[in-house]
């Protein structure tokens, strides 16, 4: 159950609410600039955003463990994130549709590491982010969320998706996403795409927290449910599969969530 006091400021002061891997996240990061190195150039903004995330994280933790320990964990996470920033993979900054998700992977990495130091497993860190994300979506007016989702099914969006997929095959950035666009079949889905490489999974693995990756992926279902985009997904790179198969159908109920997916994680070794 959500704890009273969660608001949008707790998780997404970065403006990432509504930025799922299927839409147009760069409206969300308009406040930052694309200068090499992206993370160094935008250091103060990114650190401030993560402090907002940690405010929500401390609130979440304090409902479960001693308040001083919750405060110590989030303070440690902030220090870790600051150290991580300069070395995070360059993937093109604001020119890359997936940059917000790599930033979020950095958040979860720092939290996972800090919580691990206090004996809390990756599953707890994954649930923390999931609950904060869910709380943020409740703050988005339904009409606005549905309008965001409807944009996914426009011809303009599919054209942009195809353009991105073709460019991704060039593998300009080793730590980036790679994928292909899948046109709808007119029956079971209206639009799809496959990821054959995920920047977030690569980053978690590089930082020694690969076990948190499957939990990170569950946030896609929160976004799809709020936006009415009907996501179904059977495979993820995070669980060692060959690809992530995103399939969307406008208005279809989203039946996958934390409760349906997590029980199956033990049978798949994370990438």
Protein backbone atom coordinates (compact mmCIF):
# COMPACT_ATOMS: atom_id res chain seq x y z
CA UNK A 1 0.00 0.00 0.00
CA UNK A 2 1.24 3.50 -0.80
CA UNK A 3 2.40 5.50 2.17
CA UNK A 4 0.73 8.85 2.68
CA UNK A 5 2.92 11.69 1.53
CA UNK A 6 4.19 10.36 -1.78
CA UNK A 7 3.94 12.98 -4.49
CA UNK A 8 5.45 13.56 -7.90
CA UNK A 9 8.37 15.45 -6.36
CA UNK A 10 9.54 12.33 -4.54
CA UNK A 11 10.53 10.36 -7.61
CA UNK A 12 10.46 12.41 -10.74
CA UNK A 13 11.57 15.92 -10.06
CA UNK A 14 13.58 15.23 -13.19
CA UNK A 15 10.31 15.50 -15.08
CA UNK A 16 10.45 11.87 -16.16
CA UNK A 17 6.89 11.04 -15.20
CA UNK A 18 5.26 9.87 -18.37
CA UNK A 19 8.55 9.03 -20.01
CA UNK A 20 8.29 5.36 -20.82
CA UNK A 21 10.43 3.58 -23.35
CA UNK A 22 7.70 3.91 -25.96
CA UNK A 23 7.06 7.65 -26.05
CA UNK A 24 8.91 10.93 -26.32
CA UNK A 25 11.00 11.29 -23.16
CA UNK A 26 13.03 14.26 -24.33
CA UNK A 27 10.22 16.62 -23.54
CA UNK A 28 11.02 15.56 -19.99
CA UNK A 29 14.67 16.57 -20.02
CA UNK A 30 14.34 19.90 -21.75
CA UNK A 31 15.96 21.56 -18.75
CA UNK A 32 19.31 19.85 -19.32
CA UNK A 33 21.78 20.45 -22.10
CA UNK A 34 23.55 18.09 -24.46
CA UNK A 35 27.25 18.86 -24.06
CA UNK A 36 30.11 16.37 -23.81
CA UNK A 37 30.33 14.76 -21.27
CA UNK A 38 26.55 14.76 -20.81
CA UNK A 39 26.70 13.76 -17.15
CA UNK A 40 29.45 16.21 -16.27
CA UNK A 41 27.81 19.07 -18.16
CA UNK A 42 24.49 18.45 -16.40
CA UNK A 43 25.93 17.36 -13.06
CA UNK A 44 24.13 19.82 -10.78
CA UNK A 45 20.72 19.24 -12.39
CA UNK A 46 21.13 15.47 -12.25
CA UNK A 47 22.26 15.53 -8.62
CA UNK A 48 19.34 17.76 -7.66
CA UNK A 49 16.93 15.40 -9.38
CA UNK A 50 18.34 12.44 -7.50
CA UNK A 51 18.04 14.27 -4.19
CA UNK A 52 14.34 14.49 -4.96
CA UNK A 53 14.26 10.76 -5.64
CA UNK A 54 16.03 10.13 -2.34
CA UNK A 55 13.44 12.16 -0.46
CA UNK A 56 10.84 9.67 -1.64
CA UNK A 57 13.19 6.76 -1.01
CA UNK A 58 13.79 7.84 2.58
CA UNK A 59 10.05 8.09 3.16
CA UNK A 60 9.54 4.60 1.70
CA UNK A 61 12.37 3.11 3.74
CA UNK A 62 11.34 4.75 7.00
CA UNK A 63 8.02 2.90 6.81
CA UNK A 64 9.95 -0.38 6.87
CA UNK A 65 13.17 0.13 8.82
CA UNK A 66 14.49 2.49 11.51
CA UNK A 67 14.40 6.13 10.42
CA UNK A 68 18.14 6.73 11.10
CA UNK A 69 19.00 3.74 8.91
CA UNK A 70 16.70 5.02 6.16
CA UNK A 71 18.44 8.38 6.29
CA UNK A 72 21.88 6.75 6.23
CA UNK A 73 20.96 4.66 3.18
CA UNK A 74 19.73 7.60 1.14
CA UNK A 75 22.73 9.72 2.12
CA UNK A 76 24.99 6.87 0.98
CA UNK A 77 23.02 6.55 -2.24
CA UNK A 78 23.49 10.24 -2.99
CA UNK A 79 27.25 9.91 -2.49
CA UNK A 80 27.35 6.85 -4.69
CA UNK A 81 25.35 8.49 -7.46
CA UNK A 82 27.66 11.49 -7.45
CA UNK A 83 30.64 9.16 -7.90
CA UNK A 84 28.88 7.18 -10.61
CA UNK A 85 27.86 10.15 -12.76
CA UNK A 86 31.15 10.97 -14.55
CA UNK A 87 31.61 7.36 -15.63
CA UNK A 88 28.09 6.65 -16.86
CA UNK A 89 27.98 5.57 -20.52
CA UNK A 90 27.66 8.27 -23.13
CA UNK A 91 24.76 7.47 -25.47
CA UNK A 92 24.18 10.84 -27.11
CA UNK A 93 22.52 12.90 -24.40
CA UNK A 94 19.34 14.67 -25.41
CA UNK A 95 19.52 13.26 -28.92
CA UNK A 96 18.83 9.77 -27.56
CA UNK A 97 15.26 8.67 -26.76
CA UNK A 98 16.55 6.28 -24.08
CA UNK A 99 18.77 8.66 -22.13
CA UNK A 100 16.16 9.12 -19.35
CA UNK A 101 16.13 5.39 -18.70
CA UNK A 102 19.88 5.23 -18.33
CA UNK A 103 19.62 8.07 -15.83
CA UNK A 104 17.00 6.09 -13.93
CA UNK A 105 19.27 3.04 -14.05
CA UNK A 106 21.91 5.16 -12.35
CA UNK A 107 19.40 6.05 -9.63
CA UNK A 108 18.51 2.42 -9.04
CA UNK A 109 22.15 1.34 -9.09
CA UNK A 110 23.07 3.79 -6.33
CA UNK A 111 20.04 2.81 -4.25
CA UNK A 112 20.64 -0.92 -4.75
CA UNK A 113 24.26 -0.62 -3.69
CA UNK A 114 23.45 1.53 -0.65
CA UNK A 115 20.61 -0.71 0.46
CA UNK A 116 22.78 -3.77 -0.06
CA UNK A 117 25.31 -2.37 2.40
CA UNK A 118 22.55 -2.53 5.02
CA UNK A 119 21.57 -6.07 4.13
CA UNK A 120 18.58 -5.22 1.94
CA UNK A 121 18.29 -7.29 -1.28
CA UNK A 122 17.96 -6.01 -4.83
CA UNK A 123 14.29 -6.98 -4.77
CA UNK A 124 13.68 -4.31 -2.11
CA UNK A 125 15.43 -1.67 -4.17
CA UNK A 126 13.39 -2.68 -7.20
CA UNK A 127 10.18 -2.47 -5.20
CA UNK A 128 11.14 0.96 -3.87
CA UNK A 129 11.46 2.39 -7.37
CA UNK A 130 8.32 0.58 -8.53
CA UNK A 131 6.24 1.98 -5.67
CA UNK A 132 7.53 5.50 -6.18
CA UNK A 133 6.83 5.27 -9.89
CA UNK A 134 3.30 3.96 -9.22
CA UNK A 135 2.67 6.85 -6.84
CA UNK A 136 3.87 9.32 -9.45
CA UNK A 137 1.46 7.94 -12.04
CA UNK A 138 -1.45 8.54 -9.69
CA UNK A 139 -0.55 12.23 -9.82
CA UNK A 140 -0.90 12.38 -13.61
CA UNK A 141 -4.43 13.36 -14.72
CA UNK A 142 -5.94 10.37 -16.56
CA UNK A 143 -6.85 12.47 -19.59
CA UNK A 144 -3.25 13.62 -19.94
CA UNK A 145 -1.90 10.09 -19.53
CA UNK A 146 -4.29 8.70 -22.16
CA UNK A 147 -3.34 11.44 -24.59
CA UNK A 148 0.29 10.53 -24.16
CA UNK A 149 -0.56 6.90 -24.87
CA UNK A 150 -2.61 7.69 -27.95
CA UNK A 151 0.45 9.30 -29.53
CA UNK A 152 2.14 5.91 -29.56
CA UNK A 153 -0.20 4.65 -32.27
CA UNK A 154 0.22 7.53 -34.72
CA UNK A 155 1.93 7.05 -38.09
CA UNK A 156 4.41 9.75 -37.09
CA UNK A 157 5.44 7.79 -34.03
CA UNK A 158 5.97 4.56 -35.94
CA UNK A 159 8.05 6.43 -38.51
CA UNK A 160 10.23 7.82 -35.72
CA UNK A 161 10.50 4.36 -34.17
CA UNK A 162 11.70 2.89 -37.46
CA UNK A 163 14.22 5.68 -37.82
CA UNK A 164 15.53 5.06 -34.31
CA UNK A 165 15.73 1.30 -34.86
CA UNK A 166 17.71 1.68 -38.07
CA UNK A 167 20.14 4.08 -36.40
CA UNK A 168 20.52 1.77 -33.41
CA UNK A 169 21.88 -0.99 -35.64
CA UNK A 170 24.99 1.12 -36.25
CA UNK A 171 25.90 0.69 -32.56
CA UNK A 172 27.47 4.12 -32.33
CA UNK A 173 27.51 3.90 -28.54
CA UNK A 174 28.48 0.57 -26.92
CA UNK A 175 26.27 1.20 -23.89
CA UNK A 176 23.14 2.06 -25.86
CA UNK A 177 19.93 0.24 -26.74
CA UNK A 178 19.63 -1.69 -30.02
CA UNK A 179 16.33 -2.75 -31.49
CA UNK A 180 13.92 -3.05 -34.36
CA UNK A 181 10.41 -1.75 -35.03
CA UNK A 182 7.59 -4.29 -35.48
CA UNK A 183 4.40 -3.20 -37.30
CA UNK A 184 1.11 -4.33 -35.79
CA UNK A 185 -0.55 -7.48 -37.07
CA UNK A 186 -4.03 -5.94 -36.93
CA UNK A 187 -5.21 -8.47 -34.36
CA UNK A 188 -3.06 -9.19 -31.34
CA UNK A 189 -1.11 -5.93 -31.27
CA UNK A 190 -1.07 -2.53 -32.95
CA UNK A 191 2.63 -1.74 -32.61
CA UNK A 192 5.71 -3.48 -31.32
CA UNK A 193 9.44 -3.32 -31.00
CA UNK A 194 12.19 -5.67 -29.91
CA UNK A 195 15.28 -4.74 -27.96
CA UNK A 196 18.28 -6.96 -28.64
CA UNK A 197 20.49 -4.83 -26.42
CA UNK A 198 19.43 -2.80 -23.39
CA UNK A 199 21.60 -0.02 -22.03
CA UNK A 200 20.08 -0.31 -18.57
CA UNK A 201 20.79 -4.05 -18.34
CA UNK A 202 24.36 -3.48 -19.52
CA UNK A 203 24.84 -0.78 -16.92
CA UNK A 204 23.44 -2.80 -14.03
CA UNK A 205 25.71 -5.67 -14.98
CA UNK A 206 28.77 -3.40 -15.21
CA UNK A 207 28.06 -2.04 -11.74
CA UNK A 208 27.63 -5.45 -10.15
CA UNK A 209 23.87 -5.19 -9.60
CA UNK A 210 22.52 -7.27 -12.50
CA UNK A 211 20.02 -8.87 -10.12
CA UNK A 212 18.00 -5.64 -9.94
CA UNK A 213 17.45 -5.42 -13.71
CA UNK A 214 14.26 -7.55 -13.93
CA UNK A 215 12.59 -5.36 -11.31
CA UNK A 216 13.52 -2.20 -13.20
CA UNK A 217 11.70 -3.52 -16.27
CA UNK A 218 8.39 -3.78 -14.42
CA UNK A 219 7.99 -0.01 -14.50
CA UNK A 220 7.05 -0.30 -18.18
CA UNK A 221 3.75 -1.89 -17.16
CA UNK A 222 2.91 0.99 -14.82
CA UNK A 223 3.36 3.47 -17.64
CA UNK A 224 1.37 1.39 -20.11
CA UNK A 225 -1.53 0.91 -17.70
CA UNK A 226 -1.78 4.62 -17.02
CA UNK A 227 -1.54 5.49 -20.70
CA UNK A 228 -3.91 2.82 -21.99
CA UNK A 229 -1.38 1.33 -24.39
CA UNK A 230 -1.98 -2.35 -23.57
CA UNK A 231 1.59 -3.59 -23.19
CA UNK A 232 2.26 -7.32 -23.22
CA UNK A 233 5.78 -8.71 -22.95
CA UNK A 234 6.90 -12.33 -22.68
CA UNK A 235 10.67 -11.96 -22.76
CA UNK A 236 13.30 -9.61 -21.36
CA UNK A 237 17.05 -9.35 -21.69
CA UNK A 238 17.12 -8.72 -17.95
CA UNK A 239 16.06 -12.31 -17.34
CA UNK A 240 18.54 -13.77 -19.79
CA UNK A 241 16.28 -13.94 -22.84
CA UNK A 242 17.53 -13.10 -26.32
CA UNK A 243 15.34 -10.00 -26.58
CA UNK A 244 12.68 -7.83 -25.00
CA UNK A 245 9.46 -8.14 -26.98
CA UNK A 246 7.24 -5.11 -26.43
CA UNK A 247 3.76 -5.49 -27.96
CA UNK A 248 1.15 -2.75 -27.58
CA UNK A 249 -2.58 -2.75 -28.33
CA UNK A 250 -4.56 0.44 -27.84
CA UNK A 251 -6.97 0.17 -24.91
CA UNK A 252 -6.12 -3.41 -23.97
CA UNK A 253 -6.01 -3.97 -20.19
CA UNK A 254 -2.49 -4.38 -18.84
CA UNK A 255 -2.50 -7.56 -16.78
CA UNK A 256 1.22 -7.83 -16.03
CA UNK A 257 2.57 -6.18 -12.89
CA UNK A 258 4.83 -6.80 -9.89
CA UNK A 259 2.61 -9.54 -8.51
CA UNK A 260 2.28 -11.48 -11.76
CA UNK A 261 5.92 -11.25 -12.86
CA UNK A 262 8.14 -11.42 -9.77
CA UNK A 263 7.16 -15.00 -8.83
CA UNK A 264 8.70 -16.15 -12.11
CA UNK A 265 12.02 -14.35 -11.66
CA UNK A 266 13.64 -17.10 -9.63
CA UNK A 267 13.46 -19.47 -12.60
CA UNK A 268 15.43 -17.17 -14.88
CA UNK A 269 18.99 -16.08 -14.26
CA UNK A 270 19.38 -12.31 -14.84
CA UNK A 271 21.65 -11.25 -17.69
